[in-house]
């Protein structure tokens, strides 16, 4: 026979702890998403829905989130840990950037509808929220301000890459005497 508490629609202690833990994780994920610049202006209710529909995943140091050339099926929000962004070249992998908490990776393949432009490899224990392409694109259509913020992030990356490329090319060219 079931305990009396169950007959009145209440949950057992274990079920309540599980529900409380799920709620705490969801609340933590919403708070972490608010720290990511592209999500900072989205209403908490929408962030809760995003967190609920996303997959929380963990990676060990050395594990890859995705590989250069893979189809772009999701974006990843880094909750904790660090990673390297690597691009394949004839001379081997080249590290082009670091990934830190509150960063988003994988969005270029979704936005441009191309394969992954780089490999992302965890350099420490890494915890991420994986946002499917479908949910990510829906967010962009529902929140134009998010699209503007993504443009800012991408423009900043392009500016940084251009500065690094200019410095690398300048170092290779002989100096012209004046």
C-alpha atoms as a PDB file:
ATOM      1  CA  UNK A   1       0.000   0.000   0.000  1.00  0.00           C
ATOM      2  CA  UNK A   2       1.286   3.476  -0.914  1.00  0.00           C
ATOM      3  CA  UNK A   3       2.233   5.894   1.859  1.00  0.00           C
ATOM      4  CA  UNK A   4      -0.515   8.303   2.868  1.00  0.00           C
ATOM      5  CA  UNK A   5       1.492  11.290   1.669  1.00  0.00           C
ATOM      6  CA  UNK A   6       1.420   9.924  -1.898  1.00  0.00           C
ATOM      7  CA  UNK A   7      -2.378   9.625  -1.757  1.00  0.00           C
ATOM      8  CA  UNK A   8      -2.618  13.368  -1.201  1.00  0.00           C
ATOM      9  CA  UNK A   9      -0.502  14.260  -4.256  1.00  0.00           C
ATOM     10  CA  UNK A  10       2.675  14.919  -2.312  1.00  0.00           C
ATOM     11  CA  UNK A  11       6.045  13.558  -3.317  1.00  0.00           C
ATOM     12  CA  UNK A  12       8.470  11.413  -1.413  1.00  0.00           C
ATOM     13  CA  UNK A  13      11.627  12.973   0.013  1.00  0.00           C
ATOM     14  CA  UNK A  14      13.733  11.504  -2.790  1.00  0.00           C
ATOM     15  CA  UNK A  15      11.392  12.762  -5.527  1.00  0.00           C
ATOM     16  CA  UNK A  16      11.288  16.208  -3.914  1.00  0.00           C
ATOM     17  CA  UNK A  17      15.113  16.341  -3.719  1.00  0.00           C
ATOM     18  CA  UNK A  18      15.327  15.351  -7.404  1.00  0.00           C
ATOM     19  CA  UNK A  19      12.813  18.040  -8.332  1.00  0.00           C
ATOM     20  CA  UNK A  20      14.630  20.606  -6.167  1.00  0.00           C
ATOM     21  CA  UNK A  21      17.967  19.661  -7.764  1.00  0.00           C
ATOM     22  CA  UNK A  22      16.505  19.998 -11.270  1.00  0.00           C
ATOM     23  CA  UNK A  23      15.056  23.393 -10.359  1.00  0.00           C
ATOM     24  CA  UNK A  24      18.408  24.498  -8.887  1.00  0.00           C
ATOM     25  CA  UNK A  25      20.277  23.380 -12.028  1.00  0.00           C
ATOM     26  CA  UNK A  26      17.783  25.199 -14.245  1.00  0.00           C
ATOM     27  CA  UNK A  27      18.059  28.344 -12.121  1.00  0.00           C
ATOM     28  CA  UNK A  28      21.871  28.106 -12.246  1.00  0.00           C
ATOM     29  CA  UNK A  29      21.786  27.665 -16.021  1.00  0.00           C
ATOM     30  CA  UNK A  30      19.520  30.705 -16.438  1.00  0.00           C
ATOM     31  CA  UNK A  31      21.870  32.774 -14.277  1.00  0.00           C
ATOM     32  CA  UNK A  32      24.874  31.566 -16.279  1.00  0.00           C
ATOM     33  CA  UNK A  33      23.124  32.374 -19.576  1.00  0.00           C
ATOM     34  CA  UNK A  34      22.453  35.930 -18.340  1.00  0.00           C
ATOM     35  CA  UNK A  35      26.240  36.403 -18.017  1.00  0.00           C
ATOM     36  CA  UNK A  36      26.743  35.634 -21.710  1.00  0.00           C
ATOM     37  CA  UNK A  37      26.616  38.977 -23.560  1.00  0.00           C
ATOM     38  CA  UNK A  38      24.343  37.768 -26.372  1.00  0.00           C
ATOM     39  CA  UNK A  39      21.729  36.561 -23.868  1.00  0.00           C
ATOM     40  CA  UNK A  40      21.984  39.400 -21.338  1.00  0.00           C
ATOM     41  CA  UNK A  41      18.900  41.263 -22.601  1.00  0.00           C
ATOM     42  CA  UNK A  42      16.592  38.273 -22.952  1.00  0.00           C
ATOM     43  CA  UNK A  43      13.748  37.905 -20.459  1.00  0.00           C
ATOM     44  CA  UNK A  44      14.368  35.344 -17.694  1.00  0.00           C
ATOM     45  CA  UNK A  45      11.327  33.282 -18.754  1.00  0.00           C
ATOM     46  CA  UNK A  46      12.785  32.872 -22.267  1.00  0.00           C
ATOM     47  CA  UNK A  47      16.200  32.002 -20.801  1.00  0.00           C
ATOM     48  CA  UNK A  48      14.536  29.374 -18.627  1.00  0.00           C
ATOM     49  CA  UNK A  49      12.940  27.872 -21.730  1.00  0.00           C
ATOM     50  CA  UNK A  50      16.307  27.970 -23.519  1.00  0.00           C
ATOM     51  CA  UNK A  51      18.038  26.288 -20.580  1.00  0.00           C
ATOM     52  CA  UNK A  52      15.303  23.670 -20.385  1.00  0.00           C
ATOM     53  CA  UNK A  53      15.530  22.844 -24.103  1.00  0.00           C
ATOM     54  CA  UNK A  54      19.352  22.800 -24.095  1.00  0.00           C
ATOM     55  CA  UNK A  55      21.529  19.871 -23.157  1.00  0.00           C
ATOM     56  CA  UNK A  56      24.003  20.300 -20.315  1.00  0.00           C
ATOM     57  CA  UNK A  57      27.162  18.425 -21.277  1.00  0.00           C
ATOM     58  CA  UNK A  58      30.564  17.851 -19.727  1.00  0.00           C
ATOM     59  CA  UNK A  59      33.905  17.189 -21.372  1.00  0.00           C
ATOM     60  CA  UNK A  60      37.278  16.186 -19.960  1.00  0.00           C
ATOM     61  CA  UNK A  61      40.480  17.966 -20.887  1.00  0.00           C
ATOM     62  CA  UNK A  62      41.536  16.751 -24.332  1.00  0.00           C
ATOM     63  CA  UNK A  63      38.022  15.910 -25.527  1.00  0.00           C
ATOM     64  CA  UNK A  64      36.602  17.675 -28.592  1.00  0.00           C
ATOM     65  CA  UNK A  65      33.194  19.380 -28.612  1.00  0.00           C
ATOM     66  CA  UNK A  66      33.208  19.202 -32.415  1.00  0.00           C
ATOM     67  CA  UNK A  67      35.657  18.919 -35.299  1.00  0.00           C
ATOM     68  CA  UNK A  68      36.490  21.189 -38.196  1.00  0.00           C
ATOM     69  CA  UNK A  69      34.370  20.034 -41.145  1.00  0.00           C
ATOM     70  CA  UNK A  70      31.519  18.606 -39.015  1.00  0.00           C
ATOM     71  CA  UNK A  71      27.981  19.787 -39.824  1.00  0.00           C
ATOM     72  CA  UNK A  72      26.902  22.797 -37.752  1.00  0.00           C
ATOM     73  CA  UNK A  73      24.058  21.333 -35.707  1.00  0.00           C
ATOM     74  CA  UNK A  74      24.374  23.308 -32.455  1.00  0.00           C
ATOM     75  CA  UNK A  75      25.994  26.208 -30.630  1.00  0.00           C
ATOM     76  CA  UNK A  76      27.646  25.764 -27.237  1.00  0.00           C
ATOM     77  CA  UNK A  77      27.629  28.136 -24.274  1.00  0.00           C
ATOM     78  CA  UNK A  78      30.602  27.557 -21.985  1.00  0.00           C
ATOM     79  CA  UNK A  79      29.428  27.462 -18.366  1.00  0.00           C
ATOM     80  CA  UNK A  80      32.769  26.525 -16.807  1.00  0.00           C
ATOM     81  CA  UNK A  81      36.224  25.468 -17.914  1.00  0.00           C
ATOM     82  CA  UNK A  82      38.375  26.398 -20.890  1.00  0.00           C
ATOM     83  CA  UNK A  83      39.007  25.189 -24.434  1.00  0.00           C
ATOM     84  CA  UNK A  84      41.156  25.877 -27.473  1.00  0.00           C
ATOM     85  CA  UNK A  85      39.895  26.711 -30.936  1.00  0.00           C
ATOM     86  CA  UNK A  86      42.066  24.855 -33.443  1.00  0.00           C
ATOM     87  CA  UNK A  87      42.247  25.105 -37.226  1.00  0.00           C
ATOM     88  CA  UNK A  88      43.792  22.324 -39.319  1.00  0.00           C
ATOM     89  CA  UNK A  89      46.658  23.263 -41.596  1.00  0.00           C
ATOM     90  CA  UNK A  90      49.216  21.291 -43.632  1.00  0.00           C
ATOM     91  CA  UNK A  91      51.667  21.916 -40.780  1.00  0.00           C
ATOM     92  CA  UNK A  92      49.233  20.573 -38.148  1.00  0.00           C
ATOM     93  CA  UNK A  93      46.652  22.139 -35.859  1.00  0.00           C
ATOM     94  CA  UNK A  94      47.017  25.860 -35.200  1.00  0.00           C
ATOM     95  CA  UNK A  95      45.514  27.351 -32.046  1.00  0.00           C
ATOM     96  CA  UNK A  96      43.641  30.475 -33.090  1.00  0.00           C
ATOM     97  CA  UNK A  97      41.768  31.375 -29.897  1.00  0.00           C
ATOM     98  CA  UNK A  98      40.977  30.504 -26.289  1.00  0.00           C
ATOM     99  CA  UNK A  99      37.472  29.806 -25.012  1.00  0.00           C
ATOM    100  CA  UNK A 100      36.528  30.856 -21.490  1.00  0.00           C
ATOM    101  CA  UNK A 101      33.349  30.735 -19.395  1.00  0.00           C
ATOM    102  CA  UNK A 102      30.431  32.819 -20.721  1.00  0.00           C
ATOM    103  CA  UNK A 103      31.630  32.345 -24.306  1.00  0.00           C
ATOM    104  CA  UNK A 104      29.645  30.904 -27.160  1.00  0.00           C
ATOM    105  CA  UNK A 105      31.187  28.678 -29.829  1.00  0.00           C
ATOM    106  CA  UNK A 106      29.819  26.932 -32.884  1.00  0.00           C
ATOM    107  CA  UNK A 107      27.480  29.706 -33.911  1.00  0.00           C
ATOM    108  CA  UNK A 108      29.289  30.509 -37.183  1.00  0.00           C
ATOM    109  CA  UNK A 109      28.399  27.161 -38.762  1.00  0.00           C
ATOM    110  CA  UNK A 110      24.757  27.711 -37.807  1.00  0.00           C
ATOM    111  CA  UNK A 111      24.558  31.314 -39.000  1.00  0.00           C
ATOM    112  CA  UNK A 112      26.386  30.710 -42.284  1.00  0.00           C
ATOM    113  CA  UNK A 113      24.928  27.243 -42.866  1.00  0.00           C
ATOM    114  CA  UNK A 114      28.411  25.815 -43.449  1.00  0.00           C
ATOM    115  CA  UNK A 115      30.441  23.037 -41.881  1.00  0.00           C
ATOM    116  CA  UNK A 116      32.445  23.734 -38.726  1.00  0.00           C
ATOM    117  CA  UNK A 117      35.281  26.184 -39.373  1.00  0.00           C
ATOM    118  CA  UNK A 118      37.414  24.904 -36.491  1.00  0.00           C
ATOM    119  CA  UNK A 119      37.808  22.194 -33.855  1.00  0.00           C
ATOM    120  CA  UNK A 120      37.053  23.057 -30.222  1.00  0.00           C
ATOM    121  CA  UNK A 121      39.061  21.025 -27.684  1.00  0.00           C
ATOM    122  CA  UNK A 122      38.636  21.207 -23.899  1.00  0.00           C
ATOM    123  CA  UNK A 123      41.816  22.205 -22.060  1.00  0.00           C
ATOM    124  CA  UNK A 124      40.270  21.643 -18.623  1.00  0.00           C
ATOM    125  CA  UNK A 125      37.094  19.994 -17.375  1.00  0.00           C
ATOM    126  CA  UNK A 126      34.445  21.792 -19.405  1.00  0.00           C
ATOM    127  CA  UNK A 127      30.729  22.219 -18.835  1.00  0.00           C
ATOM    128  CA  UNK A 128      28.559  23.576 -21.644  1.00  0.00           C
ATOM    129  CA  UNK A 129      24.971  24.057 -22.692  1.00  0.00           C
ATOM    130  CA  UNK A 130      24.396  22.657 -26.178  1.00  0.00           C
ATOM    131  CA  UNK A 131      21.748  24.698 -28.021  1.00  0.00           C
ATOM    132  CA  UNK A 132      20.336  23.011 -31.113  1.00  0.00           C
ATOM    133  CA  UNK A 133      20.413  24.858 -34.424  1.00  0.00           C
ATOM    134  CA  UNK A 134      16.605  24.997 -34.449  1.00  0.00           C
ATOM    135  CA  UNK A 135      16.362  26.634 -31.003  1.00  0.00           C
ATOM    136  CA  UNK A 136      19.258  28.981 -31.695  1.00  0.00           C
ATOM    137  CA  UNK A 137      17.721  30.272 -34.946  1.00  0.00           C
ATOM    138  CA  UNK A 138      14.312  30.632 -33.267  1.00  0.00           C
ATOM    139  CA  UNK A 139      15.905  32.802 -30.569  1.00  0.00           C
ATOM    140  CA  UNK A 140      17.453  35.017 -33.240  1.00  0.00           C
ATOM    141  CA  UNK A 141      14.094  35.521 -34.941  1.00  0.00           C
ATOM    142  CA  UNK A 142      12.307  36.174 -31.630  1.00  0.00           C
ATOM    143  CA  UNK A 143      14.981  38.542 -30.281  1.00  0.00           C
ATOM    144  CA  UNK A 144      16.531  40.853 -32.899  1.00  0.00           C
ATOM    145  CA  UNK A 145      18.691  42.406 -30.157  1.00  0.00           C
ATOM    146  CA  UNK A 146      20.358  39.020 -29.758  1.00  0.00           C
ATOM    147  CA  UNK A 147      21.205  39.031 -33.465  1.00  0.00           C
ATOM    148  CA  UNK A 148      22.766  42.486 -33.058  1.00  0.00           C
ATOM    149  CA  UNK A 149      24.831  41.255 -30.107  1.00  0.00           C
ATOM    150  CA  UNK A 150      26.035  38.264 -32.146  1.00  0.00           C
ATOM    151  CA  UNK A 151      27.093  40.669 -34.896  1.00  0.00           C
ATOM    152  CA  UNK A 152      29.095  42.608 -32.289  1.00  0.00           C
ATOM    153  CA  UNK A 153      30.780  39.427 -31.050  1.00  0.00           C
ATOM    154  CA  UNK A 154      31.603  38.320 -34.596  1.00  0.00           C
ATOM    155  CA  UNK A 155      32.845  41.800 -35.568  1.00  0.00           C
ATOM    156  CA  UNK A 156      35.095  41.826 -32.494  1.00  0.00           C
ATOM    157  CA  UNK A 157      36.491  38.417 -33.461  1.00  0.00           C
ATOM    158  CA  UNK A 158      37.087  39.633 -37.020  1.00  0.00           C
ATOM    159  CA  UNK A 159      38.835  42.760 -35.739  1.00  0.00           C
ATOM    160  CA  UNK A 160      41.068  40.661 -33.472  1.00  0.00           C
ATOM    161  CA  UNK A 161      41.854  38.206 -36.291  1.00  0.00           C
ATOM    162  CA  UNK A 162      42.646  41.042 -38.704  1.00  0.00           C
ATOM    163  CA  UNK A 163      45.059  42.606 -36.186  1.00  0.00           C
ATOM    164  CA  UNK A 164      46.813  39.259 -35.664  1.00  0.00           C
ATOM    165  CA  UNK A 165      47.047  38.619 -39.411  1.00  0.00           C
ATOM    166  CA  UNK A 166      48.436  42.112 -40.009  1.00  0.00           C
ATOM    167  CA  UNK A 167      51.070  41.611 -37.298  1.00  0.00           C
ATOM    168  CA  UNK A 168      52.042  38.192 -38.682  1.00  0.00           C
ATOM    169  CA  UNK A 169      52.386  39.511 -42.242  1.00  0.00           C
ATOM    170  CA  UNK A 170      54.319  42.561 -41.091  1.00  0.00           C
ATOM    171  CA  UNK A 171      56.779  40.306 -39.251  1.00  0.00           C
ATOM    172  CA  UNK A 172      57.423  38.339 -42.472  1.00  0.00           C
ATOM    173  CA  UNK A 173      57.991  41.360 -44.732  1.00  0.00           C
ATOM    174  CA  UNK A 174      61.415  42.975 -44.922  1.00  0.00           C
ATOM    175  CA  UNK A 175      61.553  46.447 -43.412  1.00  0.00           C
ATOM    176  CA  UNK A 176      61.852  49.250 -45.953  1.00  0.00           C
ATOM    177  CA  UNK A 177      64.443  51.896 -45.063  1.00  0.00           C
ATOM    178  CA  UNK A 178      63.236  55.462 -45.262  1.00  0.00           C
END
